[in-house]
Amino acid sequence: MDRDHSGAFGSKLYANEELVAELAAAFVCATLSISPTVRHADYLGSWLKVLREDSRAIFRAASKASKAADFLLAFGASASNAAEVESTP
């Protein structure tokens, strides 16, 4: 997905990437009917700062997260299809 992982913990870049990752996880869980356990209070302050500074940040993060979730779900689907083909006599 060509994501930029150069930001140090606590940086704006890191907070943006964490927001994308959490949204992608939420999208994947929703698609697969998984009820996630949320334990990320430590990140909320960083995310709120990013969201308050940039009114479009949530839209960019959601777009990137959607692409990541689609990638993961497609990868899982192709792996599942390959397993079905291998198990077919």
Protein backbone atom coordinates (compact mmCIF):
# COMPACT_ATOMS: atom_id res chain seq x y z
CA MET A 1 0.00 0.00 0.00
CA ASP A 2 3.12 2.22 0.00
CA ARG A 3 2.41 3.68 3.44
CA ASP A 4 4.87 6.09 5.10
CA HIS A 5 6.03 4.53 8.38
CA SER A 6 8.84 6.99 9.11
CA GLY A 7 7.03 8.93 11.85
CA ALA A 8 8.19 8.40 15.42
CA PHE A 9 5.70 7.49 18.15
CA GLY A 10 3.84 10.61 19.20
CA SER A 11 4.42 12.45 15.93
CA LYS A 12 1.65 13.78 13.69
CA LEU A 13 2.65 11.33 10.93
CA TYR A 14 2.50 8.42 13.38
CA ALA A 15 -0.92 9.52 14.62
CA ASN A 16 -2.20 9.72 11.03
CA GLU A 17 -0.95 6.21 10.24
CA GLU A 18 -2.44 4.84 13.46
CA LEU A 19 -5.78 6.41 12.59
CA VAL A 20 -5.68 4.78 9.15
CA ALA A 21 -4.77 1.42 10.70
CA GLU A 22 -7.56 1.59 13.28
CA LEU A 23 -10.15 2.58 10.69
CA ALA A 24 -9.01 -0.24 8.40
CA ALA A 25 -9.31 -2.70 11.29
CA ALA A 26 -12.83 -1.41 12.00
CA PHE A 27 -13.81 -1.80 8.33
CA VAL A 28 -12.44 -5.35 8.16
CA CYS A 29 -14.13 -6.32 11.43
CA ALA A 30 -17.44 -4.91 10.23
CA THR A 31 -17.20 -6.78 6.93
CA LEU A 32 -16.36 -10.07 8.67
CA SER A 33 -18.95 -9.55 11.45
CA ILE A 34 -16.26 -9.48 14.13
CA SER A 35 -17.00 -7.51 17.30
CA PRO A 36 -13.71 -5.80 18.11
CA THR A 37 -12.51 -4.93 21.60
CA VAL A 38 -11.40 -1.31 21.69
CA ARG A 39 -8.40 -0.64 23.94
CA HIS A 40 -6.74 2.32 22.34
CA ALA A 41 -7.29 5.20 24.75
CA ASP A 42 -3.55 6.00 24.55
CA TYR A 43 -3.91 7.01 20.91
CA LEU A 44 -7.05 9.11 21.22
CA GLY A 45 -5.19 12.28 22.20
CA SER A 46 -2.96 12.09 19.13
CA TRP A 47 -5.89 11.36 16.85
CA LEU A 48 -7.94 14.20 18.27
CA LYS A 49 -5.06 16.63 17.73
CA VAL A 50 -4.76 15.56 14.09
CA LEU A 51 -8.53 15.78 13.55
CA ARG A 52 -8.81 19.18 15.18
CA GLU A 53 -5.95 20.63 13.12
CA ASP A 54 -7.27 19.35 9.79
CA SER A 55 -10.99 19.14 9.05
CA ARG A 56 -10.34 16.82 6.08
CA ALA A 57 -8.03 14.41 7.92
CA ILE A 58 -10.82 11.96 8.74
CA PHE A 59 -11.81 11.73 5.07
CA ARG A 60 -8.25 11.10 3.91
CA ALA A 61 -7.71 8.54 6.67
CA ALA A 62 -10.99 6.79 5.86
CA SER A 63 -10.10 6.66 2.16
CA LYS A 64 -6.69 5.14 2.88
CA ALA A 65 -8.22 2.76 5.41
CA SER A 66 -10.85 1.63 2.92
CA LYS A 67 -8.15 0.81 0.37
CA ALA A 68 -6.17 -1.12 3.00
CA ALA A 69 -9.27 -3.02 4.14
CA ASP A 70 -10.17 -3.89 0.54
CA PHE A 71 -6.62 -5.15 -0.01
CA LEU A 72 -6.72 -7.33 3.12
CA LEU A 73 -10.16 -8.70 2.36
CA ALA A 74 -9.19 -9.50 -1.25
CA PHE A 75 -6.03 -11.22 -0.03
CA GLY A 76 -8.08 -13.27 2.42
CA ALA A 77 -10.62 -14.16 -0.25
CA SER A 78 -7.96 -15.33 -2.70
CA ALA A 79 -6.28 -17.38 0.04
CA SER A 80 -9.63 -18.93 0.92
CA ASN A 81 -10.34 -19.72 -2.74
CA ALA A 82 -6.90 -21.29 -3.13
CA ALA A 83 -7.51 -23.47 -0.06
CA GLU A 84 -10.86 -24.62 -1.52
CA VAL A 85 -9.23 -25.53 -4.82
CA GLU A 86 -6.46 -27.49 -3.07
CA SER A 87 -8.99 -29.45 -0.97
CA THR A 88 -11.18 -30.35 -3.95
CA PRO A 89 -10.50 -33.97 -5.02
